[in-house]
Amino acid sequence: MLYKLFKISNKTKILGLNSGNLTYISRMNPRARHLRLALHNNGEVILTRPRYVSEKYATAFLLSKGAWLEKQLAKIKNSKNFSLLSETKAEYSVNQAKARAVITERLSYLNAVYNFKYKSISIRNQKTRWGSCSRRGGLSFNYRLIFFSPQVIDYVIAHELCHLKEFNHSKKFWDLVARAIPDYKKIRRELKNQNLTI
């Protein structure tokens, strides 16, 4: 099978598959150790490469995964989350408000375990993250968390809360997470499966 890339900008291209076209974004992350390919529920393909991997090699890797992408795209179209692809602005606003209410309530509940100080909370339409924590104490969460189980939502919130104390993924960090989410490993695997990542 032959798959093609059509350039839009230096970072964004269109990947042509047999089942349709997908937006493809290539990113270089100096902290990455391996090539990482992900197909998200919004139909966007993200390829993250280490500094030492050339764009030419990364593109060849992407094209070699065409059949895998076709298979994962079919899974997305058959899943309950596929409706997010055609979400209207009004629906997004409603879901964002719902997410803010749920996340704010659970954040207050979980922080009773840690008593950490944070400066702000934002609910966003993030493309590649479920949550993030800035060094200034700002917490940000993906509104799509509203579509997942309460256990997953609590895990993501606790994860970002713990970054306020440990801005890394060391053993100390995971020990902190475990204080509020003892079965975090199981939930983490569940969430990773939603990313369709290899």
N, C-alpha and C. Protein backbone atom coordinates (compact mmCIF):
# COMPACT_ATOMS: atom_id res chain seq x y z
N MET A 1 0.84 -1.20 0.00
CA MET A 1 0.00 0.00 0.00
C MET A 1 0.87 1.25 0.00
N LEU A 2 0.44 2.27 -0.70
CA LEU A 2 1.19 3.51 -0.80
C LEU A 2 0.47 4.62 -0.04
N TYR A 3 1.15 5.22 0.94
CA TYR A 3 0.60 6.33 1.70
C TYR A 3 1.40 7.58 1.38
N LYS A 4 0.73 8.73 1.36
CA LYS A 4 1.37 9.96 0.92
C LYS A 4 1.21 11.06 1.96
N LEU A 5 2.19 11.99 1.93
CA LEU A 5 2.13 13.17 2.78
C LEU A 5 2.01 14.41 1.90
N PHE A 6 1.09 15.31 2.27
CA PHE A 6 0.91 16.56 1.56
C PHE A 6 1.22 17.70 2.53
N LYS A 7 2.22 18.50 2.21
CA LYS A 7 2.70 19.52 3.13
C LYS A 7 1.77 20.72 3.20
N ILE A 8 1.46 21.16 4.45
CA ILE A 8 0.70 22.38 4.69
C ILE A 8 1.64 23.45 5.22
N SER A 9 2.46 23.08 6.21
CA SER A 9 3.48 23.96 6.77
C SER A 9 4.67 23.10 7.16
N ASN A 10 5.71 23.71 7.76
CA ASN A 10 6.89 22.95 8.14
C ASN A 10 6.58 21.86 9.16
N LYS A 11 5.57 22.11 10.02
CA LYS A 11 5.22 21.16 11.07
C LYS A 11 3.98 20.33 10.78
N THR A 12 3.07 20.89 9.98
CA THR A 12 1.79 20.23 9.75
C THR A 12 1.65 19.76 8.31
N LYS A 13 1.20 18.51 8.15
CA LYS A 13 1.01 17.93 6.82
C LYS A 13 -0.30 17.14 6.82
N ILE A 14 -0.72 16.73 5.66
CA ILE A 14 -1.88 15.85 5.53
C ILE A 14 -1.38 14.47 5.15
N LEU A 15 -1.77 13.46 5.92
CA LEU A 15 -1.40 12.08 5.63
C LEU A 15 -2.54 11.41 4.89
N GLY A 16 -2.28 10.97 3.68
CA GLY A 16 -3.29 10.32 2.87
C GLY A 16 -3.32 8.82 3.09
N LEU A 17 -4.42 8.32 3.63
CA LEU A 17 -4.61 6.88 3.83
C LEU A 17 -5.69 6.37 2.88
N ASN A 18 -5.83 5.08 2.76
CA ASN A 18 -6.87 4.52 1.91
C ASN A 18 -8.26 4.89 2.41
N SER A 19 -8.38 5.03 3.75
CA SER A 19 -9.69 5.32 4.35
C SER A 19 -9.95 6.81 4.52
N GLY A 20 -9.01 7.66 4.09
CA GLY A 20 -9.22 9.09 4.20
C GLY A 20 -7.95 9.82 4.59
N ASN A 21 -8.07 11.13 4.74
CA ASN A 21 -6.92 11.98 5.07
C ASN A 21 -6.92 12.34 6.56
N LEU A 22 -5.72 12.40 7.15
CA LEU A 22 -5.56 12.78 8.54
C LEU A 22 -4.56 13.92 8.65
N THR A 23 -4.76 14.81 9.62
CA THR A 23 -3.77 15.85 9.89
C THR A 23 -2.59 15.22 10.62
N TYR A 24 -1.39 15.50 10.12
CA TYR A 24 -0.18 14.92 10.70
C TYR A 24 0.74 16.04 11.17
N ILE A 25 1.17 15.95 12.43
CA ILE A 25 2.07 16.94 13.01
C ILE A 25 3.34 16.25 13.49
N SER A 26 4.48 16.77 13.06
CA SER A 26 5.78 16.23 13.46
C SER A 26 6.42 17.18 14.48
N ARG A 27 6.89 16.60 15.59
CA ARG A 27 7.51 17.41 16.63
C ARG A 27 8.83 16.80 17.06
N MET A 28 9.82 17.67 17.32
CA MET A 28 11.09 17.21 17.86
C MET A 28 11.12 17.55 19.34
N ASN A 29 11.36 16.55 20.18
CA ASN A 29 11.44 16.76 21.62
C ASN A 29 12.82 16.29 22.09
N PRO A 30 13.67 17.21 22.54
CA PRO A 30 15.03 16.82 22.94
C PRO A 30 15.05 15.85 24.12
N ARG A 31 13.95 15.79 24.89
CA ARG A 31 13.89 14.87 26.02
C ARG A 31 13.39 13.48 25.64
N ALA A 32 12.87 13.35 24.41
CA ALA A 32 12.36 12.05 23.96
C ALA A 32 13.52 11.08 23.72
N ARG A 33 13.27 9.82 24.02
CA ARG A 33 14.30 8.78 23.81
C ARG A 33 14.00 7.92 22.59
N HIS A 34 12.74 7.87 22.20
CA HIS A 34 12.34 7.03 21.07
C HIS A 34 11.32 7.76 20.23
N LEU A 35 11.12 7.27 19.00
CA LEU A 35 10.03 7.77 18.17
C LEU A 35 8.71 7.37 18.81
N ARG A 36 7.76 8.29 18.82
CA ARG A 36 6.45 8.00 19.42
C ARG A 36 5.36 8.45 18.47
N LEU A 37 4.54 7.51 18.04
CA LEU A 37 3.46 7.79 17.10
C LEU A 37 2.12 7.61 17.81
N ALA A 38 1.24 8.60 17.70
CA ALA A 38 -0.06 8.53 18.36
C ALA A 38 -1.15 9.02 17.41
N LEU A 39 -2.28 8.31 17.46
CA LEU A 39 -3.47 8.74 16.73
C LEU A 39 -4.53 9.07 17.76
N HIS A 40 -4.93 10.34 17.84
CA HIS A 40 -5.85 10.79 18.85
C HIS A 40 -7.30 10.75 18.35
N ASN A 41 -8.21 10.83 19.31
CA ASN A 41 -9.62 10.70 18.98
C ASN A 41 -10.15 11.84 18.12
N ASN A 42 -9.39 12.93 18.00
CA ASN A 42 -9.81 14.03 17.12
C ASN A 42 -9.33 13.81 15.69
N GLY A 43 -8.74 12.64 15.42
CA GLY A 43 -8.29 12.32 14.07
C GLY A 43 -6.95 12.91 13.71
N GLU A 44 -6.17 13.30 14.71
CA GLU A 44 -4.88 13.94 14.48
C GLU A 44 -3.75 12.96 14.78
N VAL A 45 -2.78 12.88 13.87
CA VAL A 45 -1.62 12.03 14.05
C VAL A 45 -0.45 12.88 14.54
N ILE A 46 0.16 12.46 15.67
CA ILE A 46 1.30 13.18 16.23
C ILE A 46 2.50 12.25 16.23
N LEU A 47 3.61 12.69 15.62
CA LEU A 47 4.85 11.93 15.65
C LEU A 47 5.89 12.75 16.40
N THR A 48 6.35 12.22 17.51
CA THR A 48 7.37 12.89 18.32
C THR A 48 8.68 12.15 18.14
N ARG A 49 9.73 12.90 17.84
CA ARG A 49 11.02 12.27 17.59
C ARG A 49 12.11 12.88 18.47
N PRO A 50 13.11 12.08 18.86
CA PRO A 50 14.25 12.60 19.61
C PRO A 50 15.10 13.50 18.73
N ARG A 51 15.99 14.24 19.34
CA ARG A 51 16.86 15.15 18.60
C ARG A 51 17.73 14.43 17.58
N TYR A 52 18.17 13.21 17.93
CA TYR A 52 19.10 12.49 17.07
C TYR A 52 18.44 11.80 15.87
N VAL A 53 17.11 11.80 15.80
CA VAL A 53 16.40 11.17 14.68
C VAL A 53 16.06 12.23 13.63
N SER A 54 16.44 12.00 12.40
CA SER A 54 16.20 12.98 11.34
C SER A 54 14.73 12.99 10.91
N GLU A 55 14.32 14.09 10.32
CA GLU A 55 12.95 14.21 9.82
C GLU A 55 12.70 13.18 8.71
N LYS A 56 13.72 12.94 7.90
CA LYS A 56 13.59 11.97 6.80
C LYS A 56 13.32 10.57 7.35
N TYR A 57 14.06 10.18 8.38
CA TYR A 57 13.87 8.85 8.99
C TYR A 57 12.50 8.77 9.66
N ALA A 58 12.11 9.86 10.34
CA ALA A 58 10.81 9.88 11.03
C ALA A 58 9.67 9.73 10.03
N THR A 59 9.80 10.38 8.86
CA THR A 59 8.77 10.29 7.83
C THR A 59 8.67 8.86 7.29
N ALA A 60 9.82 8.23 7.08
CA ALA A 60 9.83 6.84 6.60
C ALA A 60 9.17 5.93 7.64
N PHE A 61 9.43 6.19 8.90
CA PHE A 61 8.81 5.42 9.98
C PHE A 61 7.30 5.59 9.95
N LEU A 62 6.85 6.83 9.80
CA LEU A 62 5.41 7.11 9.74
C LEU A 62 4.75 6.34 8.61
N LEU A 63 5.32 6.43 7.41
CA LEU A 63 4.72 5.78 6.25
C LEU A 63 4.71 4.26 6.40
N SER A 64 5.68 3.72 7.15
CA SER A 64 5.72 2.27 7.37
C SER A 64 4.60 1.82 8.31
N LYS A 65 4.00 2.78 9.04
CA LYS A 65 2.94 2.47 9.99
C LYS A 65 1.55 2.76 9.42
N GLY A 66 1.47 2.92 8.11
CA GLY A 66 0.19 3.23 7.49
C GLY A 66 -0.90 2.21 7.79
N ALA A 67 -0.56 0.93 7.70
CA ALA A 67 -1.56 -0.12 7.96
C ALA A 67 -2.02 -0.07 9.41
N TRP A 68 -1.08 0.20 10.33
CA TRP A 68 -1.44 0.30 11.75
C TRP A 68 -2.40 1.47 11.97
N LEU A 69 -2.12 2.60 11.32
CA LEU A 69 -2.98 3.78 11.46
C LEU A 69 -4.38 3.51 10.90
N GLU A 70 -4.45 2.79 9.79
CA GLU A 70 -5.75 2.43 9.21
C GLU A 70 -6.56 1.62 10.23
N LYS A 71 -5.90 0.67 10.87
CA LYS A 71 -6.57 -0.19 11.85
C LYS A 71 -7.05 0.61 13.06
N GLN A 72 -6.19 1.51 13.57
CA GLN A 72 -6.57 2.30 14.74
C GLN A 72 -7.66 3.32 14.41
N LEU A 73 -7.63 3.85 13.20
CA LEU A 73 -8.67 4.79 12.78
C LEU A 73 -10.03 4.10 12.74
N ALA A 74 -10.04 2.86 12.30
CA ALA A 74 -11.29 2.09 12.27
C ALA A 74 -11.82 1.89 13.69
N LYS A 75 -10.91 1.67 14.65
CA LYS A 75 -11.32 1.51 16.05
C LYS A 75 -11.95 2.79 16.59
N ILE A 76 -11.36 3.93 16.24
CA ILE A 76 -11.89 5.22 16.71
C ILE A 76 -13.29 5.43 16.16
N LYS A 77 -13.47 5.14 14.88
CA LYS A 77 -14.77 5.37 14.25
C LYS A 77 -15.86 4.49 14.86
N ASN A 78 -15.45 3.36 15.44
CA ASN A 78 -16.41 2.46 16.06
C ASN A 78 -16.57 2.69 17.56
N SER A 79 -15.84 3.68 18.10
CA SER A 79 -15.90 3.92 19.54
C SER A 79 -16.87 5.05 19.86
N LYS A 80 -17.25 5.12 21.15
CA LYS A 80 -18.20 6.15 21.58
C LYS A 80 -17.58 7.55 21.51
N ASN A 81 -16.25 7.63 21.46
CA ASN A 81 -15.60 8.94 21.45
C ASN A 81 -15.50 9.53 20.05
N PHE A 82 -15.90 8.79 19.03
CA PHE A 82 -15.79 9.30 17.67
C PHE A 82 -16.67 10.54 17.48
N SER A 83 -17.73 10.68 18.28
CA SER A 83 -18.62 11.85 18.17
C SER A 83 -17.88 13.14 18.43
N LEU A 84 -16.73 13.06 19.12
CA LEU A 84 -15.96 14.28 19.40
C LEU A 84 -15.42 14.91 18.12
N LEU A 85 -15.27 14.11 17.07
CA LEU A 85 -14.73 14.64 15.83
C LEU A 85 -15.67 15.67 15.20
N SER A 86 -16.96 15.53 15.41
CA SER A 86 -17.92 16.42 14.77
C SER A 86 -18.61 17.32 15.79
N GLU A 87 -17.99 17.54 16.92
CA GLU A 87 -18.56 18.35 17.98
C GLU A 87 -18.68 19.81 17.55
N THR A 88 -19.83 20.42 17.78
CA THR A 88 -20.03 21.82 17.43
C THR A 88 -19.45 22.71 18.51
N LYS A 89 -19.34 24.01 18.22
CA LYS A 89 -18.82 24.95 19.21
C LYS A 89 -19.72 25.02 20.44
N ALA A 90 -21.02 24.95 20.21
CA ALA A 90 -21.98 24.98 21.32
C ALA A 90 -21.82 23.75 22.20
N GLU A 91 -21.66 22.59 21.56
CA GLU A 91 -21.47 21.35 22.33
C GLU A 91 -20.17 21.39 23.10
N TYR A 92 -19.13 21.96 22.48
CA TYR A 92 -17.85 22.09 23.16
C TYR A 92 -17.98 22.97 24.40
N SER A 93 -18.68 24.09 24.29
CA SER A 93 -18.86 25.00 25.42
C SER A 93 -19.58 24.31 26.58
N VAL A 94 -20.61 23.53 26.24
CA VAL A 94 -21.35 22.80 27.27
C VAL A 94 -20.45 21.77 27.94
N ASN A 95 -19.72 21.01 27.16
CA ASN A 95 -18.85 19.98 27.71
C ASN A 95 -17.70 20.58 28.51
N GLN A 96 -17.19 21.71 28.06
CA GLN A 96 -16.13 22.38 28.80
C GLN A 96 -16.63 22.83 30.17
N ALA A 97 -17.85 23.37 30.22
CA ALA A 97 -18.45 23.81 31.49
C ALA A 97 -18.67 22.63 32.42
N LYS A 98 -19.14 21.51 31.86
CA LYS A 98 -19.33 20.30 32.67
C LYS A 98 -17.99 19.82 33.24
N ALA A 99 -16.98 19.83 32.40
CA ALA A 99 -15.66 19.38 32.83
C ALA A 99 -15.12 20.28 33.94
N ARG A 100 -15.31 21.58 33.81
CA ARG A 100 -14.83 22.51 34.83
C ARG A 100 -15.50 22.23 36.18
N ALA A 101 -16.80 21.98 36.16
CA ALA A 101 -17.53 21.72 37.40
C ALA A 101 -17.03 20.44 38.07
N VAL A 102 -16.90 19.37 37.28
CA VAL A 102 -16.47 18.09 37.83
C VAL A 102 -15.02 18.16 38.32
N ILE A 103 -14.14 18.71 37.50
CA ILE A 103 -12.72 18.76 37.84
C ILE A 103 -12.47 19.66 39.04
N THR A 104 -13.15 20.78 39.12
CA THR A 104 -12.99 21.68 40.27
C THR A 104 -13.40 21.00 41.57
N GLU A 105 -14.52 20.26 41.51
CA GLU A 105 -15.00 19.57 42.71
C GLU A 105 -14.04 18.46 43.13
N ARG A 106 -13.57 17.67 42.16
CA ARG A 106 -12.67 16.57 42.48
C ARG A 106 -11.28 17.08 42.89
N LEU A 107 -10.87 18.20 42.33
CA LEU A 107 -9.59 18.79 42.70
C LEU A 107 -9.60 19.19 44.17
N SER A 108 -10.69 19.79 44.60
CA SER A 108 -10.83 20.18 46.01
C SER A 108 -10.82 18.95 46.92
N TYR A 109 -11.50 17.91 46.50
CA TYR A 109 -11.58 16.68 47.28
C TYR A 109 -10.20 16.01 47.40
N LEU A 110 -9.52 15.87 46.28
CA LEU A 110 -8.23 15.18 46.28
C LEU A 110 -7.13 16.00 46.96
N ASN A 111 -7.21 17.30 46.87
CA ASN A 111 -6.18 18.13 47.47
C ASN A 111 -6.28 18.14 48.99
N ALA A 112 -7.37 17.61 49.52
CA ALA A 112 -7.47 17.45 50.97
C ALA A 112 -6.43 16.44 51.45
N VAL A 113 -6.00 15.55 50.53
CA VAL A 113 -4.95 14.58 50.85
C VAL A 113 -3.59 15.25 50.90
N TYR A 114 -3.36 16.22 49.98
CA TYR A 114 -2.03 16.82 49.82
C TYR A 114 -1.89 18.22 50.43
N ASN A 115 -2.94 18.99 50.35
CA ASN A 115 -2.89 20.38 50.83
C ASN A 115 -1.81 21.19 50.11
N PHE A 116 -1.72 21.01 48.78
CA PHE A 116 -0.78 21.78 47.98
C PHE A 116 -1.42 23.09 47.53
N LYS A 117 -0.60 24.10 47.30
CA LYS A 117 -1.10 25.39 46.82
C LYS A 117 -0.92 25.49 45.31
N TYR A 118 -1.95 25.89 44.61
CA TYR A 118 -1.86 26.11 43.17
C TYR A 118 -2.44 27.49 42.85
N LYS A 119 -2.04 28.06 41.72
CA LYS A 119 -2.43 29.43 41.40
C LYS A 119 -3.67 29.53 40.52
N SER A 120 -3.85 28.58 39.63
CA SER A 120 -4.98 28.68 38.69
C SER A 120 -5.38 27.31 38.17
N ILE A 121 -6.61 27.24 37.65
CA ILE A 121 -7.13 26.04 37.00
C ILE A 121 -7.67 26.44 35.64
N SER A 122 -7.30 25.73 34.61
CA SER A 122 -7.85 26.00 33.28
C SER A 122 -8.32 24.68 32.66
N ILE A 123 -9.40 24.78 31.90
CA ILE A 123 -9.95 23.63 31.18
C ILE A 123 -9.81 23.93 29.70
N ARG A 124 -9.05 23.11 28.99
CA ARG A 124 -8.71 23.42 27.61
C ARG A 124 -9.01 22.27 26.66
N ASN A 125 -8.92 22.59 25.38
CA ASN A 125 -9.05 21.59 24.33
C ASN A 125 -7.65 21.20 23.89
N GLN A 126 -6.95 20.47 24.75
CA GLN A 126 -5.57 20.09 24.47
C GLN A 126 -5.51 18.93 23.48
N LYS A 127 -4.50 18.95 22.64
CA LYS A 127 -4.39 17.95 21.57
C LYS A 127 -3.66 16.69 22.01
N THR A 128 -2.67 16.83 22.89
CA THR A 128 -1.82 15.69 23.20
C THR A 128 -1.70 15.37 24.69
N ARG A 129 -2.34 16.17 25.54
CA ARG A 129 -2.22 15.95 26.98
C ARG A 129 -3.58 15.88 27.65
N TRP A 130 -3.64 15.09 28.72
CA TRP A 130 -4.85 15.03 29.53
C TRP A 130 -4.78 16.07 30.64
N GLY A 131 -3.57 16.49 30.98
CA GLY A 131 -3.40 17.51 32.00
C GLY A 131 -1.97 17.99 32.02
N SER A 132 -1.74 19.13 32.67
CA SER A 132 -0.38 19.65 32.79
C SER A 132 -0.29 20.55 34.01
N CYS A 133 0.94 20.77 34.46
CA CYS A 133 1.21 21.62 35.62
C CYS A 133 2.40 22.50 35.28
N SER A 134 2.25 23.79 35.43
CA SER A 134 3.35 24.71 35.15
C SER A 134 4.19 24.92 36.40
N ARG A 135 5.39 25.39 36.21
CA ARG A 135 6.27 25.65 37.35
C ARG A 135 5.75 26.79 38.22
N ARG A 136 4.85 27.59 37.69
CA ARG A 136 4.26 28.68 38.45
C ARG A 136 3.03 28.24 39.24
N GLY A 137 2.68 26.97 39.13
CA GLY A 137 1.55 26.46 39.91
C GLY A 137 0.23 26.49 39.19
N GLY A 138 0.25 26.62 37.87
CA GLY A 138 -0.99 26.59 37.10
C GLY A 138 -1.34 25.18 36.68
N LEU A 139 -2.57 24.77 36.93
CA LEU A 139 -3.03 23.44 36.56
C LEU A 139 -3.96 23.54 35.35
N SER A 140 -3.74 22.69 34.37
CA SER A 140 -4.56 22.70 33.17
C SER A 140 -5.03 21.28 32.87
N PHE A 141 -6.32 21.16 32.47
CA PHE A 141 -6.90 19.85 32.22
C PHE A 141 -7.64 19.82 30.89
N ASN A 142 -7.59 18.67 30.24
CA ASN A 142 -8.28 18.47 28.98
C ASN A 142 -9.77 18.27 29.24
N TYR A 143 -10.61 19.04 28.57
CA TYR A 143 -12.05 18.94 28.81
C TYR A 143 -12.60 17.56 28.45
N ARG A 144 -11.89 16.81 27.59
CA ARG A 144 -12.37 15.49 27.18
C ARG A 144 -12.35 14.47 28.32
N LEU A 145 -11.73 14.83 29.44
CA LEU A 145 -11.76 13.94 30.59
C LEU A 145 -13.19 13.64 31.03
N ILE A 146 -14.11 14.56 30.71
CA ILE A 146 -15.51 14.39 31.10
C ILE A 146 -16.11 13.12 30.50
N PHE A 147 -15.48 12.59 29.43
CA PHE A 147 -16.00 11.40 28.77
C PHE A 147 -15.47 10.10 29.38
N PHE A 148 -14.60 10.22 30.38
CA PHE A 148 -14.00 9.04 30.97
C PHE A 148 -14.55 8.77 32.37
N SER A 149 -14.12 7.66 32.94
CA SER A 149 -14.63 7.23 34.24
C SER A 149 -14.15 8.16 35.35
N PRO A 150 -14.85 8.18 36.48
CA PRO A 150 -14.41 8.99 37.63
C PRO A 150 -13.00 8.61 38.09
N GLN A 151 -12.66 7.32 37.96
CA GLN A 151 -11.34 6.87 38.38
C GLN A 151 -10.24 7.49 37.54
N VAL A 152 -10.48 7.59 36.23
CA VAL A 152 -9.50 8.20 35.33
C VAL A 152 -9.37 9.69 35.62
N ILE A 153 -10.49 10.35 35.82
CA ILE A 153 -10.47 11.79 36.13
C ILE A 153 -9.68 12.05 37.41
N ASP A 154 -9.93 11.26 38.45
CA ASP A 154 -9.22 11.43 39.71
C ASP A 154 -7.72 11.19 39.54
N TYR A 155 -7.37 10.19 38.73
CA TYR A 155 -5.95 9.90 38.51
C TYR A 155 -5.25 11.09 37.85
N VAL A 156 -5.84 11.65 36.81
CA VAL A 156 -5.22 12.77 36.11
C VAL A 156 -5.07 13.98 37.04
N ILE A 157 -6.10 14.25 37.82
CA ILE A 157 -6.05 15.38 38.75
C ILE A 157 -4.95 15.17 39.80
N ALA A 158 -4.91 13.97 40.40
CA ALA A 158 -3.88 13.69 41.40
C ALA A 158 -2.48 13.76 40.78
N HIS A 159 -2.36 13.29 39.55
CA HIS A 159 -1.08 13.32 38.84
C HIS A 159 -0.56 14.76 38.74
N GLU A 160 -1.42 15.66 38.30
CA GLU A 160 -0.99 17.05 38.14
C GLU A 160 -0.78 17.73 39.49
N LEU A 161 -1.59 17.40 40.47
CA LEU A 161 -1.39 17.95 41.82
C LEU A 161 0.00 17.59 42.36
N CYS A 162 0.40 16.35 42.15
CA CYS A 162 1.68 15.89 42.67
C CYS A 162 2.87 16.55 42.00
N HIS A 163 2.67 17.06 40.78
CA HIS A 163 3.74 17.79 40.11
C HIS A 163 4.02 19.13 40.80
N LEU A 164 3.09 19.60 41.60
CA LEU A 164 3.34 20.82 42.37
C LEU A 164 4.45 20.60 43.40
N LYS A 165 4.58 19.36 43.84
CA LYS A 165 5.61 19.00 44.82
C LYS A 165 6.83 18.40 44.15
N GLU A 166 6.60 17.51 43.20
CA GLU A 166 7.69 16.83 42.48
C GLU A 166 7.50 17.07 40.99
N PHE A 167 8.30 17.96 40.42
CA PHE A 167 8.14 18.32 39.00
C PHE A 167 8.94 17.34 38.14
N ASN A 168 8.58 16.06 38.27
CA ASN A 168 9.30 14.99 37.58
C ASN A 168 8.44 13.73 37.66
N HIS A 169 8.99 12.59 37.24
CA HIS A 169 8.30 11.31 37.37
C HIS A 169 9.18 10.33 38.14
N SER A 170 9.75 10.81 39.21
CA SER A 170 10.62 9.99 40.04
C SER A 170 9.79 9.08 40.94
N LYS A 171 10.48 8.23 41.70
CA LYS A 171 9.78 7.35 42.64
C LYS A 171 9.03 8.18 43.68
N LYS A 172 9.63 9.28 44.11
CA LYS A 172 8.96 10.15 45.09
C LYS A 172 7.64 10.66 44.53
N PHE A 173 7.66 11.00 43.23
CA PHE A 173 6.43 11.49 42.59
C PHE A 173 5.35 10.42 42.61
N TRP A 174 5.68 9.21 42.17
CA TRP A 174 4.68 8.14 42.09
C TRP A 174 4.21 7.70 43.47
N ASP A 175 5.09 7.81 44.47
CA ASP A 175 4.67 7.52 45.84
C ASP A 175 3.63 8.53 46.30
N LEU A 176 3.79 9.78 45.87
CA LEU A 176 2.80 10.81 46.19
C LEU A 176 1.46 10.50 45.53
N VAL A 177 1.51 10.13 44.26
CA VAL A 177 0.28 9.79 43.54
C VAL A 177 -0.45 8.66 44.24
N ALA A 178 0.31 7.66 44.68
CA ALA A 178 -0.27 6.47 45.31
C ALA A 178 -0.99 6.79 46.62
N ARG A 179 -0.66 7.91 47.24
CA ARG A 179 -1.34 8.27 48.49
C ARG A 179 -2.83 8.51 48.26
N ALA A 180 -3.17 9.06 47.11
CA ALA A 180 -4.59 9.31 46.79
C ALA A 180 -5.15 8.28 45.84
N ILE A 181 -4.29 7.71 44.96
CA ILE A 181 -4.74 6.75 43.95
C ILE A 181 -3.87 5.49 44.06
N PRO A 182 -4.18 4.59 44.99
CA PRO A 182 -3.34 3.39 45.19
C PRO A 182 -3.20 2.52 43.94
N ASP A 183 -4.25 2.44 43.12
CA ASP A 183 -4.20 1.60 41.91
C ASP A 183 -3.89 2.43 40.67
N TYR A 184 -3.05 3.45 40.82
CA TYR A 184 -2.76 4.36 39.70
C TYR A 184 -2.15 3.65 38.49
N LYS A 185 -1.40 2.57 38.72
CA LYS A 185 -0.76 1.86 37.60
C LYS A 185 -1.80 1.29 36.64
N LYS A 186 -2.83 0.70 37.20
CA LYS A 186 -3.90 0.13 36.39
C LYS A 186 -4.63 1.22 35.61
N ILE A 187 -4.94 2.32 36.28
CA ILE A 187 -5.65 3.42 35.63
C ILE A 187 -4.78 4.07 34.56
N ARG A 188 -3.51 4.17 34.84
CA ARG A 188 -2.57 4.76 33.88
C ARG A 188 -2.55 3.96 32.59
N ARG A 189 -2.56 2.62 32.72
CA ARG A 189 -2.59 1.77 31.52
C ARG A 189 -3.88 1.98 30.74
N GLU A 190 -4.99 2.11 31.46
CA GLU A 190 -6.29 2.35 30.81
C GLU A 190 -6.27 3.65 30.01
N LEU A 191 -5.69 4.68 30.59
CA LEU A 191 -5.64 5.97 29.92
C LEU A 191 -4.72 5.94 28.71
N LYS A 192 -3.61 5.23 28.83
CA LYS A 192 -2.67 5.12 27.71
C LYS A 192 -3.34 4.42 26.52
N ASN A 193 -4.19 3.46 26.80
CA ASN A 193 -4.91 2.76 25.73
C ASN A 193 -5.80 3.70 24.95
N GLN A 194 -6.29 4.75 25.58
CA GLN A 194 -7.16 5.71 24.91
C GLN A 194 -6.37 6.57 23.92
N ASN A 195 -5.06 6.66 24.11
CA ASN A 195 -4.24 7.49 23.23
C ASN A 195 -3.86 6.80 21.93
N LEU A 196 -4.08 5.48 21.86
CA LEU A 196 -3.71 4.71 20.67
C LEU A 196 -2.26 4.96 20.30
N THR A 197 -1.37 4.72 21.26
CA THR A 197 0.04 5.06 21.11
C THR A 197 0.92 3.83 20.92
N ILE A 198 1.94 3.96 20.08
CA ILE A 198 2.95 2.91 19.98
C ILE A 198 4.33 3.54 20.18
